[in-house]
C-alpha atoms as a PDB file:
ATOM      1  CA  ILE A   1      57.754-141.076-153.512  1.00  0.00           C
ATOM      2  CA  SER A   2      58.276-137.798-151.731  1.00  0.00           C
ATOM      3  CA  LEU A   3      57.089-138.074-148.131  1.00  0.00           C
ATOM      4  CA  ASN A   4      55.949-134.451-148.236  1.00  0.00           C
ATOM      5  CA  ASN A   5      53.591-135.166-151.151  1.00  0.00           C
ATOM      6  CA  PHE A   6      50.657-136.610-149.210  1.00  0.00           C
ATOM      7  CA  LYS A   7      46.994-135.648-149.051  1.00  0.00           C
ATOM      8  CA  PRO A   8      44.719-136.591-146.151  1.00  0.00           C
ATOM      9  CA  GLY A   9      41.818-138.776-147.159  1.00  0.00           C
ATOM     10  CA  ILE A  10      39.290-136.356-145.699  1.00  0.00           C
ATOM     11  CA  ASP A  11      40.310-133.823-148.392  1.00  0.00           C
ATOM     12  CA  GLU A  12      38.633-136.057-150.994  1.00  0.00           C
ATOM     13  CA  PRO A  13      34.904-135.331-151.426  1.00  0.00           C
ATOM     14  CA  ALA A  14      34.154-139.079-151.651  1.00  0.00           C
ATOM     15  CA  VAL A  15      35.518-139.575-148.125  1.00  0.00           C
ATOM     16  CA  ALA A  16      34.288-136.274-146.678  1.00  0.00           C
ATOM     17  CA  ASN A  17      30.693-137.060-147.723  1.00  0.00           C
ATOM     18  CA  ILE A  18      30.716-140.439-145.965  1.00  0.00           C
ATOM     19  CA  LEU A  19      32.343-139.467-142.656  1.00  0.00           C
ATOM     20  CA  PRO A  20      30.884-136.089-141.580  1.00  0.00           C
ATOM     21  CA  ASP A  21      28.650-137.469-138.806  1.00  0.00           C
ATOM     22  CA  ILE A  22      31.300-139.603-137.132  1.00  0.00           C
ATOM     23  CA  LEU A  23      34.505-137.724-138.005  1.00  0.00           C
ATOM     24  CA  ASP A  24      34.917-135.963-134.651  1.00  0.00           C
ATOM     25  CA  ASP A  25      34.121-139.150-132.715  1.00  0.00           C
ATOM     26  CA  ILE A  26      36.744-141.138-134.636  1.00  0.00           C
ATOM     27  CA  LYS A  27      39.373-138.387-134.313  1.00  0.00           C
ATOM     28  CA  ASN A  28      38.782-138.128-130.548  1.00  0.00           C
ATOM     29  CA  PHE A  29      39.001-141.893-130.142  1.00  0.00           C
ATOM     30  CA  VAL A  30      42.233-142.132-132.165  1.00  0.00           C
ATOM     31  CA  THR A  31      43.784-139.193-130.290  1.00  0.00           C
ATOM     32  CA  THR A  32      42.865-140.747-126.941  1.00  0.00           C
ATOM     33  CA  GLN A  33      44.362-144.083-127.984  1.00  0.00           C
ATOM     34  CA  LEU A  34      47.558-142.354-129.164  1.00  0.00           C
ATOM     35  CA  GLN A  35      48.018-140.875-125.685  1.00  0.00           C
ATOM     36  CA  MET A  36      48.071-144.391-124.227  1.00  0.00           C
ATOM     37  CA  ARG A  37      51.056-146.692-124.474  1.00  0.00           C
ATOM     38  CA  GLN A  38      50.419-149.183-127.276  1.00  0.00           C
ATOM     39  CA  GLN A  39      51.474-152.806-126.973  1.00  0.00           C
ATOM     40  CA  ARG A  40      52.994-152.997-130.432  1.00  0.00           C
ATOM     41  CA  ASP A  41      54.502-150.611-132.959  1.00  0.00           C
ATOM     42  CA  ASP A  42      51.989-151.534-135.642  1.00  0.00           C
ATOM     43  CA  TYR A  43      49.125-150.516-133.328  1.00  0.00           C
ATOM     44  CA  GLN A  44      50.765-147.125-132.926  1.00  0.00           C
ATOM     45  CA  GLU A  45      51.381-146.886-136.672  1.00  0.00           C
ATOM     46  CA  LEU A  46      47.753-147.699-137.494  1.00  0.00           C
ATOM     47  CA  LEU A  47      46.504-144.986-135.155  1.00  0.00           C
ATOM     48  CA  GLU A  48      48.946-142.399-136.527  1.00  0.00           C
ATOM     49  CA  ILE A  49      48.181-143.140-140.177  1.00  0.00           C
ATOM     50  CA  ALA A  50      44.432-143.130-139.452  1.00  0.00           C
ATOM     51  CA  LEU A  51      44.739-139.710-137.825  1.00  0.00           C
ATOM     52  CA  ILE A  52      46.628-138.415-140.874  1.00  0.00           C
ATOM     53  CA  PHE A  53      43.926-139.915-143.117  1.00  0.00           C
ATOM     54  CA  LEU A  54      41.310-138.015-141.079  1.00  0.00           C
ATOM     55  CA  GLY A  55      43.188-134.735-141.486  1.00  0.00           C
ATOM     56  CA  GLY A  56      44.911-134.603-138.117  1.00  0.00           C
ATOM     57  CA  ILE A  57      48.582-134.598-137.201  1.00  0.00           C
ATOM     58  CA  PRO A  58      49.948-136.914-134.482  1.00  0.00           C
ATOM     59  CA  THR A  59      51.603-135.213-131.510  1.00  0.00           C
ATOM     60  CA  GLY A  60      54.953-136.780-132.411  1.00  0.00           C
ATOM     61  CA  GLY A  61      54.774-135.229-135.884  1.00  0.00           C
ATOM     62  CA  LEU A  62      54.444-136.834-139.271  1.00  0.00           C
ATOM     63  CA  LYS A  63      56.441-140.014-139.729  1.00  0.00           C
ATOM     64  CA  PHE A  64      55.917-142.711-142.270  1.00  0.00           C
ATOM     65  CA  ARG A  65      57.530-146.048-141.519  1.00  0.00           C
ATOM     66  CA  LYS A  66      59.004-148.456-144.023  1.00  0.00           C
ATOM     67  CA  GLN A  67      56.826-151.251-145.275  1.00  0.00           C
ATOM     68  CA  ARG A  68      56.979-154.478-143.303  1.00  0.00           C
ATOM     69  CA  ALA A  69      55.669-157.944-143.988  1.00  0.00           C
ATOM     70  CA  ILE A  70      51.968-158.374-144.710  1.00  0.00           C
ATOM     71  CA  HIS A  71      50.572-161.526-143.152  1.00  0.00           C
ATOM     72  CA  ARG A  72      47.273-163.080-144.169  1.00  0.00           C
ATOM     73  CA  ALA A  73      45.938-163.107-140.633  1.00  0.00           C
ATOM     74  CA  ARG A  74      46.742-159.452-140.029  1.00  0.00           C
ATOM     75  CA  PHE A  75      43.906-157.318-141.351  1.00  0.00           C
ATOM     76  CA  MET A  76      45.536-154.432-139.544  1.00  0.00           C
ATOM     77  CA  SER A  77      48.626-154.501-141.767  1.00  0.00           C
ATOM     78  CA  TRP A  78      46.422-154.502-144.878  1.00  0.00           C
ATOM     79  CA  LEU A  79      44.646-151.427-143.531  1.00  0.00           C
ATOM     80  CA  ILE A  80      47.922-149.660-142.703  1.00  0.00           C
ATOM     81  CA  TYR A  81      49.221-150.063-146.236  1.00  0.00           C
ATOM     82  CA  ALA A  82      45.876-149.253-147.846  1.00  0.00           C
ATOM     83  CA  LEU A  83      45.777-145.995-145.875  1.00  0.00           C
ATOM     84  CA  LYS A  84      49.349-145.193-146.923  1.00  0.00           C
ATOM     85  CA  ILE A  85      48.543-145.841-150.573  1.00  0.00           C
ATOM     86  CA  TYR A  86      45.466-143.646-150.307  1.00  0.00           C
ATOM     87  CA  ILE A  87      47.348-140.819-148.583  1.00  0.00           C
ATOM     88  CA  PHE A  88      50.049-140.924-151.275  1.00  0.00           C
ATOM     89  CA  ARG A  89      47.606-141.559-154.152  1.00  0.00           C
ATOM     90  CA  ASP A  90      48.828-138.500-156.086  1.00  0.00           C
ATOM     91  CA  ALA A  91      52.518-139.132-155.424  1.00  0.00           C
ATOM     92  CA  GLY A  92      53.148-141.487-158.301  1.00  0.00           C
ATOM     93  CA  PHE A  93      50.736-144.402-157.921  1.00  0.00           C
ATOM     94  CA  GLN A  94      49.003-145.229-161.176  1.00  0.00           C
ATOM     95  CA  MET A  95      45.517-146.439-160.289  1.00  0.00           C
ATOM     96  CA  THR A  96      42.325-146.784-162.270  1.00  0.00           C
ATOM     97  CA  ASP A  97      39.105-145.142-161.086  1.00  0.00           C
ATOM     98  CA  PHE A  98      37.798-148.586-160.093  1.00  0.00           C
ATOM     99  CA  GLU A  99      40.864-149.201-157.917  1.00  0.00           C
ATOM    100  CA  VAL A 100      40.602-145.783-156.281  1.00  0.00           C
ATOM    101  CA  CYS A 101      36.894-146.379-155.556  1.00  0.00           C
ATOM    102  CA  GLY A 102      37.626-149.773-153.970  1.00  0.00           C
ATOM    103  CA  LEU A 103      40.538-148.354-151.981  1.00  0.00           C
ATOM    104  CA  THR A 104      38.322-145.509-150.764  1.00  0.00           C
ATOM    105  CA  ASP A 105      35.644-147.953-149.584  1.00  0.00           C
ATOM    106  CA  PHE A 106      38.219-150.124-147.816  1.00  0.00           C
ATOM    107  CA  CYS A 107      39.902-147.175-146.054  1.00  0.00           C
ATOM    108  CA  VAL A 108      36.618-145.600-144.966  1.00  0.00           C
ATOM    109  CA  PHE A 109      35.381-148.968-143.660  1.00  0.00           C
ATOM    110  CA  GLY A 110      38.627-149.526-141.787  1.00  0.00           C
ATOM    111  CA  VAL A 111      38.670-146.091-140.199  1.00  0.00           C
ATOM    112  CA  SER A 112      34.961-145.883-139.396  1.00  0.00           C
ATOM    113  CA  ALA A 113      34.234-149.442-138.239  1.00  0.00           C
ATOM    114  CA  TYR A 114      37.397-151.440-137.681  1.00  0.00           C
ATOM    115  CA  ILE A 115      39.725-149.240-135.635  1.00  0.00           C
ATOM    116  CA  LYS A 116      37.418-148.547-132.698  1.00  0.00           C
ATOM    117  CA  SER A 117      36.297-152.183-132.513  1.00  0.00           C
ATOM    118  CA  TRP A 118      39.893-153.415-132.684  1.00  0.00           C
ATOM    119  CA  PHE A 119      41.185-151.231-129.863  1.00  0.00           C
ATOM    120  CA  ILE A 120      38.199-151.873-127.561  1.00  0.00           C
ATOM    121  CA  SER A 121      38.206-155.652-128.169  1.00  0.00           C
ATOM    122  CA  PRO A 122      40.774-156.639-125.484  1.00  0.00           C
ATOM    123  CA  LEU A 123      38.265-155.697-122.795  1.00  0.00           C
ATOM    124  CA  PRO A 124      36.311-158.927-122.178  1.00  0.00           C
ATOM    125  CA  THR A 125      33.561-157.189-120.238  1.00  0.00           C
ATOM    126  CA  ALA A 126      32.889-154.866-123.157  1.00  0.00           C
ATOM    127  CA  ALA A 127      32.932-157.584-125.841  1.00  0.00           C
ATOM    128  CA  PRO A 128      29.167-158.177-126.140  1.00  0.00           C
ATOM    129  CA  ALA A 129      28.344-154.450-126.154  1.00  0.00           C
ATOM    130  CA  ASN A 130      31.230-153.795-128.562  1.00  0.00           C
ATOM    131  CA  ASP A 131      30.006-156.511-130.923  1.00  0.00           C
ATOM    132  CA  LEU A 132      26.438-155.210-130.815  1.00  0.00           C
ATOM    133  CA  ARG A 133      27.684-151.680-131.561  1.00  0.00           C
ATOM    134  CA  LEU A 134      29.731-152.991-134.478  1.00  0.00           C
ATOM    135  CA  ILE A 135      26.791-154.997-135.844  1.00  0.00           C
ATOM    136  CA  LYS A 136      24.574-151.931-135.619  1.00  0.00           C
ATOM    137  CA  LEU A 137      27.171-149.836-137.445  1.00  0.00           C
ATOM    138  CA  LEU A 138      27.665-152.463-140.150  1.00  0.00           C
ATOM    139  CA  ALA A 139      23.920-152.965-140.618  1.00  0.00           C
ATOM    140  CA  SER A 140      23.344-149.219-141.037  1.00  0.00           C
ATOM    141  CA  SER A 141      25.896-149.036-143.850  1.00  0.00           C
ATOM    142  CA  ARG A 142      25.050-150.407-147.274  1.00  0.00           C
ATOM    143  CA  LYS A 143      28.634-150.608-148.524  1.00  0.00           C
ATOM    144  CA  PRO A 144      29.834-153.995-149.834  1.00  0.00           C
ATOM    145  CA  ALA A 145      32.687-154.174-147.303  1.00  0.00           C
ATOM    146  CA  SER A 146      30.271-153.569-144.425  1.00  0.00           C
ATOM    147  CA  LEU A 147      27.823-156.196-145.647  1.00  0.00           C
ATOM    148  CA  CYS A 148      30.589-158.799-146.024  1.00  0.00           C
ATOM    149  CA  ALA A 149      31.887-158.005-142.531  1.00  0.00           C
ATOM    150  CA  LEU A 150      28.341-158.217-141.140  1.00  0.00           C
ATOM    151  CA  LYS A 151      27.868-161.664-142.671  1.00  0.00           C
ATOM    152  CA  LYS A 152      31.170-162.842-141.197  1.00  0.00           C
ATOM    153  CA  ILE A 153      30.574-161.457-137.704  1.00  0.00           C
ATOM    154  CA  CYS A 154      27.041-162.889-137.531  1.00  0.00           C
ATOM    155  CA  GLY A 155      28.555-166.351-137.952  1.00  0.00           C
ATOM    156  CA  GLN A 156      30.705-165.782-134.863  1.00  0.00           C
ATOM    157  CA  LEU A 157      28.018-164.811-132.362  1.00  0.00           C
ATOM    158  CA  TRP A 158      27.694-168.210-130.712  1.00  0.00           C
ATOM    159  CA  TYR A 159      28.567-166.748-127.295  1.00  0.00           C
ATOM    160  CA  LEU A 160      25.597-164.342-127.265  1.00  0.00           C
ATOM    161  CA  SER A 161      23.057-166.430-125.399  1.00  0.00           C
ATOM    162  CA  GLU A 162      19.917-165.246-123.631  1.00  0.00           C
ATOM    163  CA  GLU A 163      21.866-165.036-120.369  1.00  0.00           C
ATOM    164  CA  LEU A 164      24.536-162.745-121.832  1.00  0.00           C
ATOM    165  CA  VAL A 165      22.350-160.382-123.847  1.00  0.00           C
ATOM    166  CA  SER A 166      20.949-158.492-120.852  1.00  0.00           C
ATOM    167  CA  PRO A 167      24.411-157.695-119.373  1.00  0.00           C
ATOM    168  CA  ALA A 168      25.467-156.520-122.846  1.00  0.00           C
ATOM    169  CA  PHE A 169      22.595-154.039-122.927  1.00  0.00           C
ATOM    170  CA  PHE A 170      23.446-152.939-119.371  1.00  0.00           C
ATOM    171  CA  ILE A 171      27.085-152.337-120.350  1.00  0.00           C
ATOM    172  CA  GLN A 172      25.938-150.485-123.461  1.00  0.00           C
ATOM    173  CA  MET A 173      23.819-148.175-121.289  1.00  0.00           C
ATOM    174  CA  LEU A 174      26.791-147.545-118.973  1.00  0.00           C
ATOM    175  CA  MET A 175      28.948-146.624-121.975  1.00  0.00           C
ATOM    176  CA  LEU A 176      26.405-143.963-122.982  1.00  0.00           C
ATOM    177  CA  PHE A 177      26.812-142.162-119.658  1.00  0.00           C
END
């Protein structure tokens, strides 16, 4: 595969039609996160490859790292390699239309819903508001990946009691300003 033979995901009409409302928000978030020091190399790689998928170019230039191990517990590594496959989809990968459609859904879900939630999640004070924002985003989408994620996250909301809901709304209001 030639590393110069890549196409950003946003160049595809299937992706461009899904992301127009939130594209600038995601790009700004990813760019802001790239300016911060990341704890791990795979965090940095995910942000860079997501920015390339969205049609941007990281400040350090284009670099594609070698494939590393994919662990079952690491959804992030699955997303990294799915984005790479999608970016290099015309560089020699033989995929059926069904596979391309599924890969498109997975990449769009990862970029639009997963990345922001993943990078905000270490902040314990923002967890309830972050989870409510993610649930709202997942509920508004009717894609199969979003519905499966919504079902899974709703089973993990044991910590949202009546006492913690009001601070979550307060934090959400602070995040708007």
